[in-house]
Amino acid sequence: MAVMNIIQAVNDALRLEMRRDPSVLVMGEDVGKFGGVFRATVGLYDEFGPDRSIDTPLSEGGIIGTAIGMATYGLRPVAEIQFADYIFPAFDQIVNELAKLRYRSGGQYTAPMVIRAPCGGGIRGGHYHSQSPEAYFIHTAGLKVVMPSSPADAKGLLISSIRDPDPVVFFEPKRVYRGRPVEGRITPWDQDVPEGEHTVPLGEAALLREGRHVTLATYGAMVHESVEAARLVAKEGLEVEVIDLRTLWPVDVEALVGSVKKTGRFVVVHEAPRTCGFAAELVTLVSEKAFLHLEAPPARVTGWDTPFPCTLENDYMPMTPRIVDALRRTARF
């Protein structure tokens, strides 16, 4: 085991895969000599050189379009979008070219590549550096979408994503890159992470806390707010089962349905806006497959239907007090 935070775990995953497979490369704005704006690619340029740690122009469409071409010719590019908010200039390349390549070629071709993008709020980045756009890509057939919440999962899921034969959009919750929320503040956070070979299968959720009264499903930075909320309501005798989805699509429906059949109540927490957010899809899936087991209306605790604010971040994000309130209301229904 080695002690790492999420940034170090991502760096370790990239380094190990680049050593293992010479077709793996990283590319993006400032990922080479500088090591990335969040330092996720630091040291890779020195070890692998400019042909495999590639500094690109500020052109997200160009980055993704070039990566698609590389992937179709046998390489495995890991393209970094500096902030998830910057992914939209590449949207056409992702949803109309990358996601559809296997389908349009009748299975003859695919593009085994990863798009890494730091997402979410909590760093006072304002409305152009704090968005959570995962629902757009979950909606697009042909893409897998991943968001880890811990260093060990970040490493294991990223390695699995790089090895996957199809494209993966890998969102990284930057609020917890180097720490996690404890009692309302971000504190340094390092975790034991397996050294060397370590994979986490795509499509499998993680049960973080067992409970019998309410099922709470979440992902990314909101995992930590949710676990804290579950801890607080446990003092009142309310046992909450917390599920970290990890892979958003394909989602682990069996884990959700199995839990709801046990608890009879369902709450979803995510940072993205409420309307047409991923929570709506999860509520629908559970309602379709476990309707007769529900003893209360499913609840969504999400960001608001506004642009992410430059101030009042903690009023926008679904922090622990809002989650606690939803758990209590759902349990008492």
C-alpha atoms as a PDB file:
ATOM      1  CA  MET A   1       0.000   0.000   0.000  1.00  0.00           C
ATOM      2  CA  ALA A   2       1.005   3.616  -0.584  1.00  0.00           C
ATOM      3  CA  VAL A   3      -0.567   6.718   0.925  1.00  0.00           C
ATOM      4  CA  MET A   4      -2.037   8.968  -1.792  1.00  0.00           C
ATOM      5  CA  ASN A   5      -4.632  11.634  -2.381  1.00  0.00           C
ATOM      6  CA  ILE A   6      -6.802  11.606  -5.520  1.00  0.00           C
ATOM      7  CA  ILE A   7      -4.367  13.671  -7.605  1.00  0.00           C
ATOM      8  CA  GLN A   8      -1.511  11.343  -6.725  1.00  0.00           C
ATOM      9  CA  ALA A   9      -3.680   8.292  -7.429  1.00  0.00           C
ATOM     10  CA  VAL A  10      -4.596   9.629 -10.880  1.00  0.00           C
ATOM     11  CA  ASN A  11      -0.940  10.350 -11.587  1.00  0.00           C
ATOM     12  CA  ASP A  12       0.040   6.865 -10.448  1.00  0.00           C
ATOM     13  CA  ALA A  13      -2.593   5.253 -12.677  1.00  0.00           C
ATOM     14  CA  LEU A  14      -1.409   7.198 -15.720  1.00  0.00           C
ATOM     15  CA  ARG A  15       2.245   6.424 -15.058  1.00  0.00           C
ATOM     16  CA  LEU A  16       1.621   2.695 -14.564  1.00  0.00           C
ATOM     17  CA  GLU A  17      -0.453   2.375 -17.719  1.00  0.00           C
ATOM     18  CA  MET A  18       2.063   4.336 -19.791  1.00  0.00           C
ATOM     19  CA  ARG A  19       4.811   2.014 -18.566  1.00  0.00           C
ATOM     20  CA  ARG A  20       2.725  -1.087 -19.205  1.00  0.00           C
ATOM     21  CA  ASP A  21       1.395  -0.171 -22.642  1.00  0.00           C
ATOM     22  CA  PRO A  22       3.380   1.994 -25.078  1.00  0.00           C
ATOM     23  CA  SER A  23       0.172   2.895 -26.928  1.00  0.00           C
ATOM     24  CA  VAL A  24      -1.073   4.908 -23.916  1.00  0.00           C
ATOM     25  CA  LEU A  25      -0.369   8.649 -24.017  1.00  0.00           C
ATOM     26  CA  VAL A  26      -1.648  11.805 -22.342  1.00  0.00           C
ATOM     27  CA  MET A  27      -2.548  15.022 -24.120  1.00  0.00           C
ATOM     28  CA  GLY A  28      -4.129  18.342 -23.288  1.00  0.00           C
ATOM     29  CA  GLU A  29      -3.495  21.941 -22.327  1.00  0.00           C
ATOM     30  CA  ASP A  30      -0.398  22.246 -20.089  1.00  0.00           C
ATOM     31  CA  VAL A  31      -0.267  18.513 -19.317  1.00  0.00           C
ATOM     32  CA  GLY A  32       3.342  18.141 -20.511  1.00  0.00           C
ATOM     33  CA  LYS A  33       6.197  20.186 -19.070  1.00  0.00           C
ATOM     34  CA  PHE A  34       3.995  21.974 -16.557  1.00  0.00           C
ATOM     35  CA  GLY A  35       2.277  18.802 -15.332  1.00  0.00           C
ATOM     36  CA  GLY A  36      -1.306  20.057 -15.588  1.00  0.00           C
ATOM     37  CA  VAL A  37      -3.117  22.877 -13.850  1.00  0.00           C
ATOM     38  CA  PHE A  38      -3.947  20.525 -10.944  1.00  0.00           C
ATOM     39  CA  ARG A  39      -0.583  18.699 -11.252  1.00  0.00           C
ATOM     40  CA  ALA A  40      -2.208  15.390 -12.243  1.00  0.00           C
ATOM     41  CA  THR A  41       0.352  14.727 -14.988  1.00  0.00           C
ATOM     42  CA  VAL A  42       3.468  15.991 -13.234  1.00  0.00           C
ATOM     43  CA  GLY A  43       6.594  13.967 -14.065  1.00  0.00           C
ATOM     44  CA  LEU A  44       5.122  12.175 -17.077  1.00  0.00           C
ATOM     45  CA  TYR A  45       6.817  14.478 -19.586  1.00  0.00           C
ATOM     46  CA  ASP A  46      10.215  13.809 -17.993  1.00  0.00           C
ATOM     47  CA  GLU A  47       9.736  10.042 -18.068  1.00  0.00           C
ATOM     48  CA  PHE A  48       7.964   9.552 -21.395  1.00  0.00           C
ATOM     49  CA  GLY A  49       8.920  12.599 -23.435  1.00  0.00           C
ATOM     50  CA  PRO A  50       6.938  14.967 -25.659  1.00  0.00           C
ATOM     51  CA  ASP A  51       5.603  12.219 -27.948  1.00  0.00           C
ATOM     52  CA  ARG A  52       3.586  10.622 -25.136  1.00  0.00           C
ATOM     53  CA  SER A  53       2.989  13.624 -22.859  1.00  0.00           C
ATOM     54  CA  ILE A  54       1.683  16.104 -25.380  1.00  0.00           C
ATOM     55  CA  ASP A  55       1.020  19.793 -24.806  1.00  0.00           C
ATOM     56  CA  THR A  56      -1.792  20.882 -27.116  1.00  0.00           C
ATOM     57  CA  PRO A  57      -3.167  24.231 -28.266  1.00  0.00           C
ATOM     58  CA  LEU A  58      -6.146  25.701 -26.423  1.00  0.00           C
ATOM     59  CA  SER A  59      -8.674  23.933 -28.623  1.00  0.00           C
ATOM     60  CA  GLU A  60     -10.893  21.368 -26.955  1.00  0.00           C
ATOM     61  CA  GLY A  61     -12.445  20.340 -30.259  1.00  0.00           C
ATOM     62  CA  GLY A  62      -8.958  19.855 -31.644  1.00  0.00           C
ATOM     63  CA  ILE A  63      -7.817  17.864 -28.612  1.00  0.00           C
ATOM     64  CA  ILE A  64     -10.732  15.437 -28.808  1.00  0.00           C
ATOM     65  CA  GLY A  65     -10.772  15.216 -32.593  1.00  0.00           C
ATOM     66  CA  THR A  66      -7.056  14.405 -32.637  1.00  0.00           C
ATOM     67  CA  ALA A  67      -7.495  11.847 -29.858  1.00  0.00           C
ATOM     68  CA  ILE A  68     -10.285  10.122 -31.797  1.00  0.00           C
ATOM     69  CA  GLY A  69      -7.994   9.809 -34.806  1.00  0.00           C
ATOM     70  CA  MET A  70      -5.209   8.405 -32.633  1.00  0.00           C
ATOM     71  CA  ALA A  71      -7.559   5.887 -31.027  1.00  0.00           C
ATOM     72  CA  THR A  72      -8.851   4.594 -34.356  1.00  0.00           C
ATOM     73  CA  TYR A  73      -5.258   3.933 -35.434  1.00  0.00           C
ATOM     74  CA  GLY A  74      -4.342   1.827 -32.426  1.00  0.00           C
ATOM     75  CA  LEU A  75      -3.255   4.296 -29.755  1.00  0.00           C
ATOM     76  CA  ARG A  76      -4.939   4.768 -26.377  1.00  0.00           C
ATOM     77  CA  PRO A  77      -4.987   8.498 -25.689  1.00  0.00           C
ATOM     78  CA  VAL A  78      -5.993   9.987 -22.350  1.00  0.00           C
ATOM     79  CA  ALA A  79      -7.165  13.492 -23.198  1.00  0.00           C
ATOM     80  CA  GLU A  80      -7.433  16.032 -20.401  1.00  0.00           C
ATOM     81  CA  ILE A  81      -9.984  18.826 -20.529  1.00  0.00           C
ATOM     82  CA  GLN A  82      -8.595  21.375 -18.079  1.00  0.00           C
ATOM     83  CA  PHE A  83     -11.987  22.037 -16.468  1.00  0.00           C
ATOM     84  CA  ALA A  84     -15.202  20.145 -17.244  1.00  0.00           C
ATOM     85  CA  ASP A  85     -16.748  23.487 -18.138  1.00  0.00           C
ATOM     86  CA  TYR A  86     -14.403  23.673 -21.134  1.00  0.00           C
ATOM     87  CA  ILE A  87     -15.694  20.424 -22.625  1.00  0.00           C
ATOM     88  CA  PHE A  88     -18.522  22.059 -24.557  1.00  0.00           C
ATOM     89  CA  PRO A  89     -16.429  23.231 -27.566  1.00  0.00           C
ATOM     90  CA  ALA A  90     -15.643  19.513 -28.035  1.00  0.00           C
ATOM     91  CA  PHE A  91     -19.255  18.412 -27.574  1.00  0.00           C
ATOM     92  CA  ASP A  92     -19.880  17.708 -31.255  1.00  0.00           C
ATOM     93  CA  GLN A  93     -16.725  15.605 -31.538  1.00  0.00           C
ATOM     94  CA  ILE A  94     -17.715  13.594 -28.453  1.00  0.00           C
ATOM     95  CA  VAL A  95     -21.410  12.948 -29.071  1.00  0.00           C
ATOM     96  CA  ASN A  96     -21.491  12.821 -32.890  1.00  0.00           C
ATOM     97  CA  GLU A  97     -18.156  11.189 -33.669  1.00  0.00           C
ATOM     98  CA  LEU A  98     -16.606   9.454 -30.664  1.00  0.00           C
ATOM     99  CA  ALA A  99     -19.789   7.989 -29.176  1.00  0.00           C
ATOM    100  CA  LYS A 100     -21.122   6.745 -32.515  1.00  0.00           C
ATOM    101  CA  LEU A 101     -17.980   5.272 -34.057  1.00  0.00           C
ATOM    102  CA  ARG A 102     -18.643   1.643 -33.087  1.00  0.00           C
ATOM    103  CA  TYR A 103     -22.305   1.845 -34.128  1.00  0.00           C
ATOM    104  CA  ARG A 104     -21.782   3.585 -37.467  1.00  0.00           C
ATOM    105  CA  SER A 105     -19.032   1.143 -38.450  1.00  0.00           C
ATOM    106  CA  GLY A 106     -21.091  -1.924 -37.591  1.00  0.00           C
ATOM    107  CA  GLY A 107     -18.652  -2.843 -34.835  1.00  0.00           C
ATOM    108  CA  GLN A 108     -15.581  -2.714 -37.085  1.00  0.00           C
ATOM    109  CA  TYR A 109     -14.055   0.294 -35.355  1.00  0.00           C
ATOM    110  CA  THR A 110     -14.074   1.877 -31.940  1.00  0.00           C
ATOM    111  CA  ALA A 111     -12.091   4.535 -30.137  1.00  0.00           C
ATOM    112  CA  PRO A 112     -10.532   3.220 -26.904  1.00  0.00           C
ATOM    113  CA  MET A 113      -9.793   6.547 -25.236  1.00  0.00           C
ATOM    114  CA  VAL A 114     -10.431   8.387 -21.986  1.00  0.00           C
ATOM    115  CA  ILE A 115     -11.457  11.996 -21.512  1.00  0.00           C
ATOM    116  CA  ARG A 116     -10.428  13.258 -18.064  1.00  0.00           C
ATOM    117  CA  ALA A 117     -12.136  16.379 -16.746  1.00  0.00           C
ATOM    118  CA  PRO A 118     -12.083  17.983 -13.256  1.00  0.00           C
ATOM    119  CA  CYS A 119     -15.673  18.849 -12.369  1.00  0.00           C
ATOM    120  CA  GLY A 120     -17.859  20.376  -9.689  1.00  0.00           C
ATOM    121  CA  GLY A 121     -17.646  23.253  -7.266  1.00  0.00           C
ATOM    122  CA  GLY A 122     -16.046  23.917  -3.945  1.00  0.00           C
ATOM    123  CA  ILE A 123     -12.956  25.804  -5.117  1.00  0.00           C
ATOM    124  CA  ARG A 124     -14.585  29.235  -5.628  1.00  0.00           C
ATOM    125  CA  GLY A 125     -14.222  28.917  -9.365  1.00  0.00           C
ATOM    126  CA  GLY A 126     -17.492  30.626 -10.285  1.00  0.00           C
ATOM    127  CA  HIS A 127     -19.859  29.604 -13.025  1.00  0.00           C
ATOM    128  CA  TYR A 128     -17.208  28.833 -15.672  1.00  0.00           C
ATOM    129  CA  HIS A 129     -15.087  26.506 -13.506  1.00  0.00           C
ATOM    130  CA  SER A 130     -17.605  24.684 -11.307  1.00  0.00           C
ATOM    131  CA  GLN A 131     -20.166  22.925 -13.488  1.00  0.00           C
ATOM    132  CA  SER A 132     -21.159  19.264 -13.344  1.00  0.00           C
ATOM    133  CA  PRO A 133     -22.098  18.260 -16.916  1.00  0.00           C
ATOM    134  CA  GLU A 134     -22.280  14.490 -16.481  1.00  0.00           C
ATOM    135  CA  ALA A 135     -25.947  14.174 -17.530  1.00  0.00           C
ATOM    136  CA  TYR A 136     -25.192  15.293 -21.106  1.00  0.00           C
ATOM    137  CA  PHE A 137     -22.841  12.365 -21.584  1.00  0.00           C
ATOM    138  CA  ILE A 138     -24.912   9.794 -19.685  1.00  0.00           C
ATOM    139  CA  HIS A 139     -27.672  10.678 -22.164  1.00  0.00           C
ATOM    140  CA  THR A 140     -25.396   9.872 -25.122  1.00  0.00           C
ATOM    141  CA  ALA A 141     -25.393   6.226 -26.208  1.00  0.00           C
ATOM    142  CA  GLY A 142     -21.885   4.860 -26.774  1.00  0.00           C
ATOM    143  CA  LEU A 143     -20.134   6.533 -23.864  1.00  0.00           C
ATOM    144  CA  LYS A 144     -19.252   5.232 -20.421  1.00  0.00           C
ATOM    145  CA  VAL A 145     -19.233   7.833 -17.644  1.00  0.00           C
ATOM    146  CA  VAL A 146     -17.247   7.498 -14.417  1.00  0.00           C
ATOM    147  CA  MET A 147     -16.806   9.663 -11.317  1.00  0.00           C
ATOM    148  CA  PRO A 148     -14.723   8.389  -8.367  1.00  0.00           C
ATOM    149  CA  SER A 149     -14.851   9.762  -4.838  1.00  0.00           C
ATOM    150  CA  SER A 150     -11.705   8.315  -3.245  1.00  0.00           C
ATOM    151  CA  PRO A 151      -8.014   7.854  -4.104  1.00  0.00           C
ATOM    152  CA  ALA A 152      -8.204   4.048  -4.353  1.00  0.00           C
ATOM    153  CA  ASP A 153     -11.233   4.197  -6.635  1.00  0.00           C
ATOM    154  CA  ALA A 154      -9.693   6.991  -8.704  1.00  0.00           C
ATOM    155  CA  LYS A 155      -6.685   4.809  -9.468  1.00  0.00           C
ATOM    156  CA  GLY A 156      -8.602   1.583 -10.014  1.00  0.00           C
ATOM    157  CA  LEU A 157     -11.349   3.102 -12.136  1.00  0.00           C
ATOM    158  CA  LEU A 158      -8.928   5.120 -14.278  1.00  0.00           C
ATOM    159  CA  ILE A 159      -6.827   2.058 -15.091  1.00  0.00           C
ATOM    160  CA  SER A 160      -9.992   0.130 -15.993  1.00  0.00           C
ATOM    161  CA  SER A 161     -11.142   3.034 -18.146  1.00  0.00           C
ATOM    162  CA  ILE A 162      -7.846   3.196 -20.045  1.00  0.00           C
ATOM    163  CA  ARG A 163      -8.032  -0.538 -20.748  1.00  0.00           C
ATOM    164  CA  ASP A 164     -11.685  -0.453 -21.818  1.00  0.00           C
ATOM    165  CA  PRO A 165     -12.319  -0.990 -25.543  1.00  0.00           C
ATOM    166  CA  ASP A 166     -14.790   1.897 -25.704  1.00  0.00           C
ATOM    167  CA  PRO A 167     -14.612   5.618 -24.875  1.00  0.00           C
ATOM    168  CA  VAL A 168     -14.911   6.698 -21.254  1.00  0.00           C
ATOM    169  CA  VAL A 169     -15.618  10.177 -19.900  1.00  0.00           C
ATOM    170  CA  PHE A 170     -13.837  10.279 -16.548  1.00  0.00           C
ATOM    171  CA  PHE A 171     -14.978  13.129 -14.300  1.00  0.00           C
ATOM    172  CA  GLU A 172     -12.819  13.959 -11.276  1.00  0.00           C
ATOM    173  CA  PRO A 173     -14.412  15.884  -8.359  1.00  0.00           C
ATOM    174  CA  LYS A 174     -11.772  18.549  -7.854  1.00  0.00           C
ATOM    175  CA  ARG A 175     -13.155  19.670  -4.484  1.00  0.00           C
ATOM    176  CA  VAL A 176     -11.713  16.491  -2.974  1.00  0.00           C
ATOM    177  CA  TYR A 177      -8.551  16.232  -5.098  1.00  0.00           C
ATOM    178  CA  ARG A 178      -6.393  16.802  -2.029  1.00  0.00           C
ATOM    179  CA  GLY A 179      -8.879  16.694   0.820  1.00  0.00           C
ATOM    180  CA  ARG A 180     -12.373  15.801   1.940  1.00  0.00           C
ATOM    181  CA  PRO A 181     -15.115  17.622   3.867  1.00  0.00           C
ATOM    182  CA  VAL A 182     -14.974  17.142   7.627  1.00  0.00           C
ATOM    183  CA  GLU A 183     -17.339  19.157   9.829  1.00  0.00           C
ATOM    184  CA  GLY A 184     -18.010  21.685   7.092  1.00  0.00           C
ATOM    185  CA  ARG A 185     -14.426  22.297   6.003  1.00  0.00           C
ATOM    186  CA  ILE A 186     -11.990  20.636   3.636  1.00  0.00           C
ATOM    187  CA  THR A 187      -9.252  18.761   5.462  1.00  0.00           C
ATOM    188  CA  PRO A 188      -6.196  16.999   4.012  1.00  0.00           C
ATOM    189  CA  TRP A 189      -7.028  13.496   2.943  1.00  0.00           C
ATOM    190  CA  ASP A 190      -4.690  10.659   2.097  1.00  0.00           C
ATOM    191  CA  GLN A 191      -5.735   7.045   1.778  1.00  0.00           C
ATOM    192  CA  ASP A 192      -3.978   3.711   1.486  1.00  0.00           C
ATOM    193  CA  VAL A 193      -3.957   2.833  -2.213  1.00  0.00           C
ATOM    194  CA  PRO A 194      -2.715  -0.485  -3.602  1.00  0.00           C
ATOM    195  CA  GLU A 195       0.629  -0.127  -5.320  1.00  0.00           C
ATOM    196  CA  GLY A 196       1.121  -1.496  -8.808  1.00  0.00           C
ATOM    197  CA  GLU A 197      -1.731  -3.398 -10.451  1.00  0.00           C
ATOM    198  CA  HIS A 198      -5.084  -2.190  -9.123  1.00  0.00           C
ATOM    199  CA  THR A 199      -8.342  -2.127 -11.053  1.00  0.00           C
ATOM    200  CA  VAL A 200     -11.929  -1.412 -10.075  1.00  0.00           C
ATOM    201  CA  PRO A 201     -14.522  -2.862 -12.487  1.00  0.00           C
ATOM    202  CA  LEU A 202     -16.640  -0.371 -14.388  1.00  0.00           C
ATOM    203  CA  GLY A 203     -20.363  -0.653 -13.727  1.00  0.00           C
ATOM    204  CA  GLU A 204     -20.137  -1.746 -10.087  1.00  0.00           C
ATOM    205  CA  ALA A 205     -21.313   0.482  -7.245  1.00  0.00           C
ATOM    206  CA  ALA A 206     -19.738   0.445  -3.780  1.00  0.00           C
ATOM    207  CA  LEU A 207     -21.703  -0.057  -0.567  1.00  0.00           C
ATOM    208  CA  LEU A 208     -20.153   2.429   1.842  1.00  0.00           C
ATOM    209  CA  ARG A 209     -22.535   2.079   4.745  1.00  0.00           C
ATOM    210  CA  GLU A 210     -25.230  -0.497   5.488  1.00  0.00           C
ATOM    211  CA  GLY A 211     -28.655   0.541   6.718  1.00  0.00           C
ATOM    212  CA  ARG A 212     -32.263  -0.598   6.860  1.00  0.00           C
ATOM    213  CA  HIS A 213     -34.363   2.580   6.791  1.00  0.00           C
ATOM    214  CA  VAL A 214     -33.325   4.653   3.737  1.00  0.00           C
ATOM    215  CA  THR A 215     -31.180   4.043   0.634  1.00  0.00           C
ATOM    216  CA  LEU A 216     -29.007   7.024  -0.350  1.00  0.00           C
ATOM    217  CA  ALA A 217     -27.299   6.938  -3.769  1.00  0.00           C
ATOM    218  CA  THR A 218     -24.633   9.481  -4.690  1.00  0.00           C
ATOM    219  CA  TYR A 219     -21.251   9.984  -6.347  1.00  0.00           C
ATOM    220  CA  GLY A 220     -18.220  12.250  -6.535  1.00  0.00           C
ATOM    221  CA  ALA A 221     -17.643  14.896  -3.889  1.00  0.00           C
ATOM    222  CA  MET A 222     -21.189  14.479  -2.592  1.00  0.00           C
ATOM    223  CA  VAL A 223     -20.276  11.018  -1.296  1.00  0.00           C
ATOM    224  CA  HIS A 224     -18.521  12.663   1.636  1.00  0.00           C
ATOM    225  CA  GLU A 225     -21.415  14.999   2.417  1.00  0.00           C
ATOM    226  CA  SER A 226     -23.774  12.026   2.244  1.00  0.00           C
ATOM    227  CA  VAL A 227     -21.711   9.794   4.529  1.00  0.00           C
ATOM    228  CA  GLU A 228     -21.554  12.606   7.068  1.00  0.00           C
ATOM    229  CA  ALA A 229     -25.330  13.093   6.838  1.00  0.00           C
ATOM    230  CA  ALA A 230     -25.848   9.364   7.402  1.00  0.00           C
ATOM    231  CA  ARG A 231     -23.555   9.524  10.428  1.00  0.00           C
ATOM    232  CA  LEU A 232     -25.512  12.403  11.926  1.00  0.00           C
ATOM    233  CA  VAL A 233     -28.970  10.878  11.524  1.00  0.00           C
ATOM    234  CA  ALA A 234     -27.685   7.574  12.931  1.00  0.00           C
ATOM    235  CA  LYS A 235     -27.610   9.371  16.292  1.00  0.00           C
ATOM    236  CA  GLU A 236     -31.401   9.645  15.951  1.00  0.00           C
ATOM    237  CA  GLY A 237     -31.755   5.931  15.219  1.00  0.00           C
ATOM    238  CA  LEU A 238     -32.105   6.364  11.443  1.00  0.00           C
ATOM    239  CA  GLU A 239     -29.980   3.807   9.595  1.00  0.00           C
ATOM    240  CA  VAL A 240     -29.056   4.972   6.088  1.00  0.00           C
ATOM    241  CA  GLU A 241     -27.558   2.708   3.441  1.00  0.00           C
ATOM    242  CA  VAL A 242     -25.075   4.767   1.393  1.00  0.00           C
ATOM    243  CA  ILE A 243     -24.186   3.669  -2.147  1.00  0.00           C
ATOM    244  CA  ASP A 244     -21.370   5.289  -4.126  1.00  0.00           C
ATOM    245  CA  LEU A 245     -22.280   4.727  -7.776  1.00  0.00           C
ATOM    246  CA  ARG A 246     -18.685   5.236  -9.036  1.00  0.00           C
ATOM    247  CA  THR A 247     -19.670   4.355 -12.609  1.00  0.00           C
ATOM    248  CA  LEU A 248     -22.587   6.567 -13.612  1.00  0.00           C
ATOM    249  CA  TRP A 249     -23.179   4.759 -16.882  1.00  0.00           C
ATOM    250  CA  PRO A 250     -23.662   1.860 -17.153  1.00  0.00           C
ATOM    251  CA  VAL A 251     -25.128   2.275 -13.685  1.00  0.00           C
ATOM    252  CA  ASP A 252     -25.354  -0.601 -11.218  1.00  0.00           C
ATOM    253  CA  VAL A 253     -29.141  -0.960 -11.243  1.00  0.00           C
ATOM    254  CA  GLU A 254     -29.049  -4.225  -9.300  1.00  0.00           C
ATOM    255  CA  ALA A 255     -27.288  -2.586  -6.348  1.00  0.00           C
ATOM    256  CA  LEU A 256     -29.849   0.213  -6.198  1.00  0.00           C
ATOM    257  CA  VAL A 257     -32.905  -1.991  -6.583  1.00  0.00           C
ATOM    258  CA  GLY A 258     -31.650  -4.559  -4.103  1.00  0.00           C
ATOM    259  CA  SER A 259     -31.069  -1.868  -1.506  1.00  0.00           C
ATOM    260  CA  VAL A 260     -34.435  -0.166  -2.047  1.00  0.00           C
ATOM    261  CA  LYS A 261     -36.239  -3.497  -1.742  1.00  0.00           C
ATOM    262  CA  LYS A 262     -34.663  -3.736   1.708  1.00  0.00           C
ATOM    263  CA  THR A 263     -35.212  -0.137   2.906  1.00  0.00           C
ATOM    264  CA  GLY A 264     -38.354   0.935   1.047  1.00  0.00           C
ATOM    265  CA  ARG A 265     -37.077   4.501   0.722  1.00  0.00           C
ATOM    266  CA  PHE A 266     -34.772   6.201  -1.787  1.00  0.00           C
ATOM    267  CA  VAL A 267     -32.811   9.470  -1.800  1.00  0.00           C
ATOM    268  CA  VAL A 268     -30.400  10.632  -4.523  1.00  0.00           C
ATOM    269  CA  VAL A 269     -27.771  13.328  -4.024  1.00  0.00           C
ATOM    270  CA  HIS A 270     -25.788  15.072  -6.751  1.00  0.00           C
ATOM    271  CA  GLU A 271     -24.210  18.459  -7.293  1.00  0.00           C
ATOM    272  CA  ALA A 272     -25.554  19.078 -10.800  1.00  0.00           C
ATOM    273  CA  PRO A 273     -28.820  21.014 -11.326  1.00  0.00           C
ATOM    274  CA  ARG A 274     -32.088  19.287 -10.521  1.00  0.00           C
ATOM    275  CA  THR A 275     -34.064  19.437 -13.776  1.00  0.00           C
ATOM    276  CA  CYS A 276     -33.116  16.538 -16.094  1.00  0.00           C
ATOM    277  CA  GLY A 277     -30.251  15.686 -13.749  1.00  0.00           C
ATOM    278  CA  PHE A 278     -29.085  12.100 -13.301  1.00  0.00           C
ATOM    279  CA  ALA A 279     -31.164  11.799 -10.135  1.00  0.00           C
ATOM    280  CA  ALA A 280     -34.326  11.872 -12.250  1.00  0.00           C
ATOM    281  CA  GLU A 281     -33.162   8.825 -14.209  1.00  0.00           C
ATOM    282  CA  LEU A 282     -32.191   6.957 -11.053  1.00  0.00           C
ATOM    283  CA  VAL A 283     -35.555   7.668  -9.438  1.00  0.00           C
ATOM    284  CA  THR A 284     -37.306   6.400 -12.571  1.00  0.00           C
ATOM    285  CA  LEU A 285     -35.236   3.212 -12.712  1.00  0.00           C
ATOM    286  CA  VAL A 286     -35.968   2.426  -9.076  1.00  0.00           C
ATOM    287  CA  SER A 287     -39.662   3.269  -9.490  1.00  0.00           C
ATOM    288  CA  GLU A 288     -39.933   0.958 -12.506  1.00  0.00           C
ATOM    289  CA  LYS A 289     -38.150  -1.957 -10.859  1.00  0.00           C
ATOM    290  CA  ALA A 290     -39.065  -1.625  -7.174  1.00  0.00           C
ATOM    291  CA  PHE A 291     -42.321   0.351  -7.133  1.00  0.00           C
ATOM    292  CA  LEU A 292     -44.194  -2.054  -4.876  1.00  0.00           C
ATOM    293  CA  HIS A 293     -41.395  -1.883  -2.321  1.00  0.00           C
ATOM    294  CA  LEU A 294     -41.413   1.923  -1.992  1.00  0.00           C
ATOM    295  CA  GLU A 295     -42.941   3.272   1.202  1.00  0.00           C
ATOM    296  CA  ALA A 296     -42.269   6.963   0.457  1.00  0.00           C
ATOM    297  CA  PRO A 297     -41.789   9.164  -2.609  1.00  0.00           C
ATOM    298  CA  PRO A 298     -38.147   9.143  -3.756  1.00  0.00           C
ATOM    299  CA  ALA A 299     -36.309  12.383  -2.964  1.00  0.00           C
ATOM    300  CA  ARG A 300     -33.698  14.358  -4.910  1.00  0.00           C
ATOM    301  CA  VAL A 301     -31.132  16.593  -3.205  1.00  0.00           C
ATOM    302  CA  THR A 302     -29.290  18.500  -5.917  1.00  0.00           C
ATOM    303  CA  GLY A 303     -27.861  21.767  -7.107  1.00  0.00           C
ATOM    304  CA  TRP A 304     -30.334  24.492  -8.058  1.00  0.00           C
ATOM    305  CA  ASP A 305     -31.593  25.252 -11.558  1.00  0.00           C
ATOM    306  CA  THR A 306     -29.354  28.287 -11.871  1.00  0.00           C
ATOM    307  CA  PRO A 307     -25.837  28.937 -13.135  1.00  0.00           C
ATOM    308  CA  PHE A 308     -23.262  27.969 -10.535  1.00  0.00           C
ATOM    309  CA  PRO A 309     -22.766  31.106  -8.399  1.00  0.00           C
ATOM    310  CA  CYS A 310     -19.511  33.002  -7.953  1.00  0.00           C
ATOM    311  CA  THR A 311     -20.317  33.302  -4.248  1.00  0.00           C
ATOM    312  CA  LEU A 312     -22.540  31.314  -1.872  1.00  0.00           C
ATOM    313  CA  GLU A 313     -21.168  27.991  -3.148  1.00  0.00           C
ATOM    314  CA  ASN A 314     -22.350  26.143  -0.066  1.00  0.00           C
ATOM    315  CA  ASP A 315     -25.883  27.430  -0.621  1.00  0.00           C
ATOM    316  CA  TYR A 316     -25.854  26.011  -4.144  1.00  0.00           C
ATOM    317  CA  MET A 317     -24.294  22.633  -3.463  1.00  0.00           C
ATOM    318  CA  PRO A 318     -26.326  19.949  -1.598  1.00  0.00           C
ATOM    319  CA  MET A 319     -24.334  20.060   1.605  1.00  0.00           C
ATOM    320  CA  THR A 320     -24.859  17.850   4.638  1.00  0.00           C
ATOM    321  CA  PRO A 321     -27.708  19.870   6.294  1.00  0.00           C
ATOM    322  CA  ARG A 322     -29.886  19.615   3.165  1.00  0.00           C
ATOM    323  CA  ILE A 323     -29.190  15.889   2.918  1.00  0.00           C
ATOM    324  CA  VAL A 324     -30.037  15.372   6.592  1.00  0.00           C
ATOM    325  CA  ASP A 325     -33.366  17.159   6.060  1.00  0.00           C
ATOM    326  CA  ALA A 326     -34.230  14.960   3.050  1.00  0.00           C
ATOM    327  CA  LEU A 327     -33.368  11.790   4.952  1.00  0.00           C
ATOM    328  CA  ARG A 328     -35.572  12.785   7.874  1.00  0.00           C
ATOM    329  CA  ARG A 329     -38.524  13.724   5.652  1.00  0.00           C
ATOM    330  CA  THR A 330     -38.261  10.530   3.634  1.00  0.00           C
ATOM    331  CA  ALA A 331     -37.980   8.353   6.728  1.00  0.00           C
ATOM    332  CA  ARG A 332     -40.990  10.003   8.398  1.00  0.00           C
ATOM    333  CA  PHE A 333     -43.320   9.937   5.403  1.00  0.00           C
END
